[in-house]
Amino acid sequence: LFALPKAVHLATIGAIGLMVDSTRIITYWRGGVVLPE
């Protein structure tokens, strides 16, 4: 809706996603979620 230039749109989404996903991954890790080797 902000009609950003396409590169700025995607880069901004990526930067916001890094913030959110970093928080999620840390939360899963601290919550004891494990993955098979």
All heavy atoms as atom14 arrays in JSON, in Angstrom:
{
  "sequence": "LFALPKAVHLATIGAIGLMVDSTRIITYWRGGVVLPE",
  "atom14_mask": [
    [1, 1, 1, 1, 1, 1, 1, 1, 0, 0, 0, 0, 0, 0],
    [1, 1, 1, 1, 1, 1, 1, 1, 1, 1, 1, 0, 0, 0],
    [1, 1, 1, 1, 1, 0, 0, 0, 0, 0, 0, 0, 0, 0],
    [1, 1, 1, 1, 1, 1, 1, 1, 0, 0, 0, 0, 0, 0],
    [1, 1, 1, 1, 1, 1, 1, 0, 0, 0, 0, 0, 0, 0],
    [1, 1, 1, 1, 1, 1, 1, 1, 1, 0, 0, 0, 0, 0],
    [1, 1, 1, 1, 1, 0, 0, 0, 0, 0, 0, 0, 0, 0],
    [1, 1, 1, 1, 1, 1, 1, 0, 0, 0, 0, 0, 0, 0],
    [1, 1, 1, 1, 1, 1, 1, 1, 1, 1, 0, 0, 0, 0],
    [1, 1, 1, 1, 1, 1, 1, 1, 0, 0, 0, 0, 0, 0],
    [1, 1, 1, 1, 1, 0, 0, 0, 0, 0, 0, 0, 0, 0],
    [1, 1, 1, 1, 1, 1, 1, 0, 0, 0, 0, 0, 0, 0],
    [1, 1, 1, 1, 1, 1, 1, 1, 0, 0, 0, 0, 0, 0],
    [1, 1, 1, 1, 0, 0, 0, 0, 0, 0, 0, 0, 0, 0],
    [1, 1, 1, 1, 1, 0, 0, 0, 0, 0, 0, 0, 0, 0],
    [1, 1, 1, 1, 1, 1, 1, 1, 0, 0, 0, 0, 0, 0],
    [1, 1, 1, 1, 0, 0, 0, 0, 0, 0, 0, 0, 0, 0],
    [1, 1, 1, 1, 1, 1, 1, 1, 0, 0, 0, 0, 0, 0],
    [1, 1, 1, 1, 1, 1, 1, 1, 0, 0, 0, 0, 0, 0],
    [1, 1, 1, 1, 1, 1, 1, 0, 0, 0, 0, 0, 0, 0],
    [1, 1, 1, 1, 1, 1, 1, 1, 0, 0, 0, 0, 0, 0],
    [1, 1, 1, 1, 1, 1, 0, 0, 0, 0, 0, 0, 0, 0],
    [1, 1, 1, 1, 1, 1, 1, 0, 0, 0, 0, 0, 0, 0],
    [1, 1, 1, 1, 1, 1, 1, 1, 1, 1, 1, 0, 0, 0],
    [1, 1, 1, 1, 1, 1, 1, 1, 0, 0, 0, 0, 0, 0],
    [1, 1, 1, 1, 1, 1, 1, 1, 0, 0, 0, 0, 0, 0],
    [1, 1, 1, 1, 1, 1, 1, 0, 0, 0, 0, 0, 0, 0],
    [1, 1, 1, 1, 1, 1, 1, 1, 1, 1, 1, 1, 0, 0],
    [1, 1, 1, 1, 1, 1, 1, 1, 1, 1, 1, 1, 1, 1],
    [1, 1, 1, 1, 1, 1, 1, 1, 1, 1, 1, 0, 0, 0],
    [1, 1, 1, 1, 0, 0, 0, 0, 0, 0, 0, 0, 0, 0],
    [1, 1, 1, 1, 0, 0, 0, 0, 0, 0, 0, 0, 0, 0],
    [1, 1, 1, 1, 1, 1, 1, 0, 0, 0, 0, 0, 0, 0],
    [1, 1, 1, 1, 1, 1, 1, 0, 0, 0, 0, 0, 0, 0],
    [1, 1, 1, 1, 1, 1, 1, 1, 0, 0, 0, 0, 0, 0],
    [1, 1, 1, 1, 1, 1, 1, 0, 0, 0, 0, 0, 0, 0],
    [1, 1, 1, 1, 1, 1, 1, 1, 1, 0, 0, 0, 0, 0]
  ],
  "atom14_positions": [
    [[0.81, -1.21, 0.0], [0.0, 0.0, 0.0], [0.85, 1.26, 0.0], [0.37, 2.33, -0.38], [-0.93, 0.01, 1.22], [-2.02, -1.06, 1.26], [-2.79, -0.99, 2.57], [-2.98, -0.89, 0.08], [0.0, 0.0, 0.0], [0.0, 0.0, 0.0], [0.0, 0.0, 0.0], [0.0, 0.0, 0.0], [0.0, 0.0, 0.0], [0.0, 0.0, 0.0]],
    [[2.11, 1.16, 0.43], [2.98, 2.32, 0.46], [3.61, 2.6, -0.91], [4.3, 3.61, -1.07], [4.07, 2.13, 1.5], [3.56, 2.03, 2.91], [3.78, 0.89, 3.66], [2.84, 3.06, 3.48], [3.3, 0.79, 4.96], [2.36, 2.97, 4.78], [2.59, 1.83, 5.52], [0.0, 0.0, 0.0], [0.0, 0.0, 0.0], [0.0, 0.0, 0.0]],
    [[3.37, 1.69, -1.88], [3.85, 1.89, -3.25], [5.34, 2.23, -3.31], [5.76, 3.17, -3.97], [3.03, 2.98, -3.95], [0.0, 0.0, 0.0], [0.0, 0.0, 0.0], [0.0, 0.0, 0.0], [0.0, 0.0, 0.0], [0.0, 0.0, 0.0], [0.0, 0.0, 0.0], [0.0, 0.0, 0.0], [0.0, 0.0, 0.0], [0.0, 0.0, 0.0]],
    [[6.14, 1.45, -2.6], [7.58, 1.67, -2.61], [8.19, 1.16, -3.91], [7.63, 0.28, -4.57], [8.23, 0.91, -1.44], [7.73, 1.24, -0.03], [8.35, 0.26, 0.97], [8.07, 2.66, 0.35], [0.0, 0.0, 0.0], [0.0, 0.0, 0.0], [0.0, 0.0, 0.0], [0.0, 0.0, 0.0], [0.0, 0.0, 0.0], [0.0, 0.0, 0.0]],
    [[9.33, 1.7, -4.33], [10.06, 1.09, -5.44], [10.3, -0.39, -5.13], [10.54, -0.77, -3.98], [11.37, 1.88, -5.48], [11.02, 3.2, -4.87], [10.0, 2.91, -3.81], [0.0, 0.0, 0.0], [0.0, 0.0, 0.0], [0.0, 0.0, 0.0], [0.0, 0.0, 0.0], [0.0, 0.0, 0.0], [0.0, 0.0, 0.0], [0.0, 0.0, 0.0]],
    [[10.26, -1.24, -6.16], [10.25, -2.69, -5.92], [11.47, -3.17, -5.13], [11.34, -4.03, -4.26], [10.12, -3.44, -7.25], [11.16, -3.06, -8.29], [10.83, -3.7, -9.65], [11.85, -3.32, -10.69], [11.54, -3.88, -12.02], [0.0, 0.0, 0.0], [0.0, 0.0, 0.0], [0.0, 0.0, 0.0], [0.0, 0.0, 0.0], [0.0, 0.0, 0.0]],
    [[12.66, -2.63, -5.42], [13.84, -3.05, -4.68], [13.76, -2.63, -3.22], [14.12, -3.39, -2.32], [15.1, -2.46, -5.33], [0.0, 0.0, 0.0], [0.0, 0.0, 0.0], [0.0, 0.0, 0.0], [0.0, 0.0, 0.0], [0.0, 0.0, 0.0], [0.0, 0.0, 0.0], [0.0, 0.0, 0.0], [0.0, 0.0, 0.0], [0.0, 0.0, 0.0]],
    [[13.27, -1.43, -2.97], [13.11, -0.95, -1.6], [12.05, -1.77, -0.87], [12.2, -2.11, 0.3], [12.74, 0.55, -1.59], [12.49, 1.04, -0.17], [13.84, 1.37, -2.25], [0.0, 0.0, 0.0], [0.0, 0.0, 0.0], [0.0, 0.0, 0.0], [0.0, 0.0, 0.0], [0.0, 0.0, 0.0], [0.0, 0.0, 0.0], [0.0, 0.0, 0.0]],
    [[10.98, -2.1, -1.58], [9.91, -2.93, -1.01], [10.47, -4.27, -0.52], [10.24, -4.67, 0.63], [8.84, -3.17, -2.08], [7.74, -4.11, -1.68], [6.54, -3.68, -1.15], [7.65, -5.46, -1.73], [5.77, -4.72, -0.89], [6.43, -5.82, -1.24], [0.0, 0.0, 0.0], [0.0, 0.0, 0.0], [0.0, 0.0, 0.0], [0.0, 0.0, 0.0]],
    [[11.24, -4.95, -1.37], [11.75, -6.28, -1.02], [12.85, -6.2, 0.03], [12.92, -7.04, 0.93], [12.26, -6.98, -2.28], [11.17, -7.34, -3.3], [11.78, -7.87, -4.59], [10.2, -8.36, -2.72], [0.0, 0.0, 0.0], [0.0, 0.0, 0.0], [0.0, 0.0, 0.0], [0.0, 0.0, 0.0], [0.0, 0.0, 0.0], [0.0, 0.0, 0.0]],
    [[13.73, -5.2, -0.08], [14.79, -5.04, 0.92], [14.21, -4.71, 2.29], [14.68, -5.22, 3.32], [15.77, -3.95, 0.49], [0.0, 0.0, 0.0], [0.0, 0.0, 0.0], [0.0, 0.0, 0.0], [0.0, 0.0, 0.0], [0.0, 0.0, 0.0], [0.0, 0.0, 0.0], [0.0, 0.0, 0.0], [0.0, 0.0, 0.0], [0.0, 0.0, 0.0]],
    [[13.18, -3.88, 2.32], [12.53, -3.52, 3.59], [11.85, -4.72, 4.2], [11.94, -4.95, 5.42], [11.52, -2.38, 3.36], [12.21, -1.24, 2.83], [10.83, -1.99, 4.66], [0.0, 0.0, 0.0], [0.0, 0.0, 0.0], [0.0, 0.0, 0.0], [0.0, 0.0, 0.0], [0.0, 0.0, 0.0], [0.0, 0.0, 0.0], [0.0, 0.0, 0.0]],
    [[11.15, -5.51, 3.38], [10.53, -6.74, 3.87], [11.59, -7.68, 4.43], [11.4, -8.31, 5.49], [9.74, -7.43, 2.74], [8.4, -6.72, 2.53], [9.5, -8.9, 3.05], [7.55, -7.34, 1.45], [0.0, 0.0, 0.0], [0.0, 0.0, 0.0], [0.0, 0.0, 0.0], [0.0, 0.0, 0.0], [0.0, 0.0, 0.0], [0.0, 0.0, 0.0]],
    [[12.73, -7.8, 3.73], [13.8, -8.66, 4.21], [14.35, -8.22, 5.56], [14.59, -9.03, 6.45], [0.0, 0.0, 0.0], [0.0, 0.0, 0.0], [0.0, 0.0, 0.0], [0.0, 0.0, 0.0], [0.0, 0.0, 0.0], [0.0, 0.0, 0.0], [0.0, 0.0, 0.0], [0.0, 0.0, 0.0], [0.0, 0.0, 0.0], [0.0, 0.0, 0.0]],
    [[14.56, -6.9, 5.72], [15.09, -6.37, 6.99], [14.11, -6.6, 8.14], [14.51, -7.0, 9.24], [15.4, -4.89, 6.84], [0.0, 0.0, 0.0], [0.0, 0.0, 0.0], [0.0, 0.0, 0.0], [0.0, 0.0, 0.0], [0.0, 0.0, 0.0], [0.0, 0.0, 0.0], [0.0, 0.0, 0.0], [0.0, 0.0, 0.0], [0.0, 0.0, 0.0]],
    [[12.82, -6.36, 7.89], [11.82, -6.6, 8.93], [11.75, -8.09, 9.24], [11.66, -8.5, 10.42], [10.44, -6.08, 8.48], [10.46, -4.56, 8.32], [9.35, -6.49, 9.47], [9.2, -3.98, 7.7], [0.0, 0.0, 0.0], [0.0, 0.0, 0.0], [0.0, 0.0, 0.0], [0.0, 0.0, 0.0], [0.0, 0.0, 0.0], [0.0, 0.0, 0.0]],
    [[11.81, -8.92, 8.2], [11.78, -10.36, 8.41], [12.95, -10.86, 9.23], [12.8, -11.78, 10.04], [0.0, 0.0, 0.0], [0.0, 0.0, 0.0], [0.0, 0.0, 0.0], [0.0, 0.0, 0.0], [0.0, 0.0, 0.0], [0.0, 0.0, 0.0], [0.0, 0.0, 0.0], [0.0, 0.0, 0.0], [0.0, 0.0, 0.0], [0.0, 0.0, 0.0]],
    [[14.14, -10.27, 9.02], [15.3, -10.66, 9.82], [15.05, -10.43, 11.3], [15.42, -11.26, 12.15], [16.54, -9.89, 9.37], [17.28, -10.4, 8.14], [18.4, -9.45, 7.76], [17.83, -11.81, 8.38], [0.0, 0.0, 0.0], [0.0, 0.0, 0.0], [0.0, 0.0, 0.0], [0.0, 0.0, 0.0], [0.0, 0.0, 0.0], [0.0, 0.0, 0.0]],
    [[14.42, -9.31, 11.63], [14.1, -9.01, 13.03], [13.14, -10.04, 13.6], [13.37, -10.61, 14.68], [13.49, -7.61, 13.14], [14.4, -6.47, 12.73], [13.52, -4.89, 12.57], [12.83, -4.72, 14.21], [0.0, 0.0, 0.0], [0.0, 0.0, 0.0], [0.0, 0.0, 0.0], [0.0, 0.0, 0.0], [0.0, 0.0, 0.0], [0.0, 0.0, 0.0]],
    [[12.07, -10.3, 12.86], [11.04, -11.22, 13.34], [11.56, -12.65, 13.43], [11.36, -13.35, 14.43], [9.8, -11.15, 12.43], [8.76, -12.2, 12.84], [9.19, -9.76, 12.46], [0.0, 0.0, 0.0], [0.0, 0.0, 0.0], [0.0, 0.0, 0.0], [0.0, 0.0, 0.0], [0.0, 0.0, 0.0], [0.0, 0.0, 0.0], [0.0, 0.0, 0.0]],
    [[12.27, -13.1, 12.37], [12.74, -14.48, 12.34], [13.83, -14.73, 13.36], [13.93, -15.83, 13.92], [13.24, -14.84, 10.94], [12.1, -15.0, 9.94], [10.98, -15.29, 10.38], [12.33, -14.84, 8.74], [0.0, 0.0, 0.0], [0.0, 0.0, 0.0], [0.0, 0.0, 0.0], [0.0, 0.0, 0.0], [0.0, 0.0, 0.0], [0.0, 0.0, 0.0]],
    [[14.69, -13.73, 13.61], [15.7, -13.9, 14.65], [15.05, -14.12, 16.01], [15.47, -15.0, 16.79], [16.6, -12.65, 14.71], [17.33, -12.49, 13.52], [0.0, 0.0, 0.0], [0.0, 0.0, 0.0], [0.0, 0.0, 0.0], [0.0, 0.0, 0.0], [0.0, 0.0, 0.0], [0.0, 0.0, 0.0], [0.0, 0.0, 0.0], [0.0, 0.0, 0.0]],
    [[14.0, -13.36, 16.28], [13.27, -13.53, 17.54], [12.63, -14.91, 17.6], [12.67, -15.59, 18.64], [12.18, -12.44, 17.67], [12.8, -11.15, 17.6], [11.44, -12.57, 19.0], [0.0, 0.0, 0.0], [0.0, 0.0, 0.0], [0.0, 0.0, 0.0], [0.0, 0.0, 0.0], [0.0, 0.0, 0.0], [0.0, 0.0, 0.0], [0.0, 0.0, 0.0]],
    [[12.03, -15.34, 16.48], [11.37, -16.65, 16.47], [12.37, -17.77, 16.7], [12.12, -18.69, 17.49], [10.68, -16.87, 15.12], [9.4, -16.1, 14.92], [8.56, -16.74, 13.83], [9.25, -16.83, 12.56], [9.06, -17.81, 11.68], [8.24, -18.8, 11.96], [9.7, -17.81, 10.53], [0.0, 0.0, 0.0], [0.0, 0.0, 0.0], [0.0, 0.0, 0.0]],
    [[13.5, -17.73, 16.01], [14.48, -18.81, 16.12], [15.02, -18.91, 17.53], [15.17, -20.01, 18.1], [15.61, -18.6, 15.1], [15.08, -18.81, 13.68], [16.78, -19.54, 15.38], [16.07, -18.43, 12.59], [0.0, 0.0, 0.0], [0.0, 0.0, 0.0], [0.0, 0.0, 0.0], [0.0, 0.0, 0.0], [0.0, 0.0, 0.0], [0.0, 0.0, 0.0]],
    [[15.33, -17.75, 18.13], [15.82, -17.75, 19.51], [14.76, -18.32, 20.46], [15.07, -19.09, 21.37], [16.22, -16.32, 19.93], [17.45, -15.87, 19.15], [16.49, -16.26, 21.44], [17.8, -14.41, 19.35], [0.0, 0.0, 0.0], [0.0, 0.0, 0.0], [0.0, 0.0, 0.0], [0.0, 0.0, 0.0], [0.0, 0.0, 0.0], [0.0, 0.0, 0.0]],
    [[13.51, -17.97, 20.22], [12.42, -18.46, 21.06], [12.28, -19.97, 20.94], [12.14, -20.68, 21.94], [11.09, -17.79, 20.67], [11.22, -16.37, 20.82], [9.95, -18.28, 21.57], [0.0, 0.0, 0.0], [0.0, 0.0, 0.0], [0.0, 0.0, 0.0], [0.0, 0.0, 0.0], [0.0, 0.0, 0.0], [0.0, 0.0, 0.0], [0.0, 0.0, 0.0]],
    [[12.32, -20.49, 19.71], [12.24, -21.94, 19.52], [13.42, -22.64, 20.2], [13.25, -23.67, 20.87], [12.24, -22.29, 18.03], [11.1, -21.73, 17.23], [11.26, -21.34, 15.9], [9.83, -21.57, 17.8], [10.22, -20.82, 15.16], [8.78, -21.05, 17.07], [8.98, -20.68, 15.75], [7.95, -20.16, 15.02], [0.0, 0.0, 0.0], [0.0, 0.0, 0.0]],
    [[14.61, -22.08, 20.03], [15.81, -22.7, 20.58], [15.74, -22.73, 22.11], [16.0, -23.77, 22.72], [17.04, -21.92, 20.11], [18.35, -22.49, 20.59], [19.02, -22.19, 21.72], [19.13, -23.49, 19.92], [20.17, -22.91, 21.82], [20.27, -23.72, 20.74], [18.99, -24.19, 18.73], [21.26, -24.64, 20.37], [19.98, -25.09, 18.37], [21.09, -25.3, 19.19]],
    [[15.41, -21.61, 22.7], [15.32, -21.54, 24.17], [14.16, -22.37, 24.69], [14.17, -22.8, 25.85], [15.16, -20.09, 24.62], [16.39, -19.22, 24.33], [16.23, -17.82, 24.88], [16.12, -17.85, 26.34], [15.93, -16.78, 27.1], [15.8, -15.58, 26.52], [15.85, -16.87, 28.4], [0.0, 0.0, 0.0], [0.0, 0.0, 0.0], [0.0, 0.0, 0.0]],
    [[13.17, -22.6, 23.85], [12.03, -23.42, 24.26], [12.3, -24.91, 24.18], [11.42, -25.72, 24.48], [0.0, 0.0, 0.0], [0.0, 0.0, 0.0], [0.0, 0.0, 0.0], [0.0, 0.0, 0.0], [0.0, 0.0, 0.0], [0.0, 0.0, 0.0], [0.0, 0.0, 0.0], [0.0, 0.0, 0.0], [0.0, 0.0, 0.0], [0.0, 0.0, 0.0]],
    [[13.51, -25.28, 23.75], [13.88, -26.69, 23.74], [13.58, -27.44, 22.46], [13.67, -28.67, 22.42], [0.0, 0.0, 0.0], [0.0, 0.0, 0.0], [0.0, 0.0, 0.0], [0.0, 0.0, 0.0], [0.0, 0.0, 0.0], [0.0, 0.0, 0.0], [0.0, 0.0, 0.0], [0.0, 0.0, 0.0], [0.0, 0.0, 0.0], [0.0, 0.0, 0.0]],
    [[13.23, -26.71, 21.38], [12.97, -27.39, 20.11], [14.29, -27.85, 19.52], [15.25, -27.08, 19.43], [12.25, -26.45, 19.13], [11.96, -27.17, 17.82], [10.96, -25.92, 19.73], [0.0, 0.0, 0.0], [0.0, 0.0, 0.0], [0.0, 0.0, 0.0], [0.0, 0.0, 0.0], [0.0, 0.0, 0.0], [0.0, 0.0, 0.0], [0.0, 0.0, 0.0]],
    [[14.34, -29.1, 19.11], [15.57, -29.67, 18.54], [15.26, -30.26, 17.17], [14.12, -30.59, 16.85], [16.17, -30.76, 19.46], [16.6, -30.16, 20.79], [15.17, -31.88, 19.69], [0.0, 0.0, 0.0], [0.0, 0.0, 0.0], [0.0, 0.0, 0.0], [0.0, 0.0, 0.0], [0.0, 0.0, 0.0], [0.0, 0.0, 0.0], [0.0, 0.0, 0.0]],
    [[16.3, -30.36, 16.36], [16.18, -30.96, 15.03], [17.06, -32.2, 14.96], [18.13, -32.26, 15.58], [16.63, -29.97, 13.95], [15.8, -28.71, 13.75], [16.46, -27.82, 12.7], [14.38, -29.05, 13.35], [0.0, 0.0, 0.0], [0.0, 0.0, 0.0], [0.0, 0.0, 0.0], [0.0, 0.0, 0.0], [0.0, 0.0, 0.0], [0.0, 0.0, 0.0]],
    [[16.64, -33.2, 14.19], [17.5, -34.36, 13.95], [18.81, -33.93, 13.27], [18.83, -32.94, 12.53], [16.66, -35.25, 13.02], [15.24, -34.79, 13.2], [15.33, -33.34, 13.52], [0.0, 0.0, 0.0], [0.0, 0.0, 0.0], [0.0, 0.0, 0.0], [0.0, 0.0, 0.0], [0.0, 0.0, 0.0], [0.0, 0.0, 0.0], [0.0, 0.0, 0.0]],
    [[19.85, -34.68, 13.52], [21.16, -34.33, 12.95], [21.11, -34.27, 11.43], [21.79, -33.45, 10.81], [22.2, -35.36, 13.41], [23.62, -35.04, 12.95], [24.64, -36.03, 13.48], [24.27, -36.85, 14.34], [25.8, -35.99, 13.01], [0.0, 0.0, 0.0], [0.0, 0.0, 0.0], [0.0, 0.0, 0.0], [0.0, 0.0, 0.0], [0.0, 0.0, 0.0]]
  ]
}
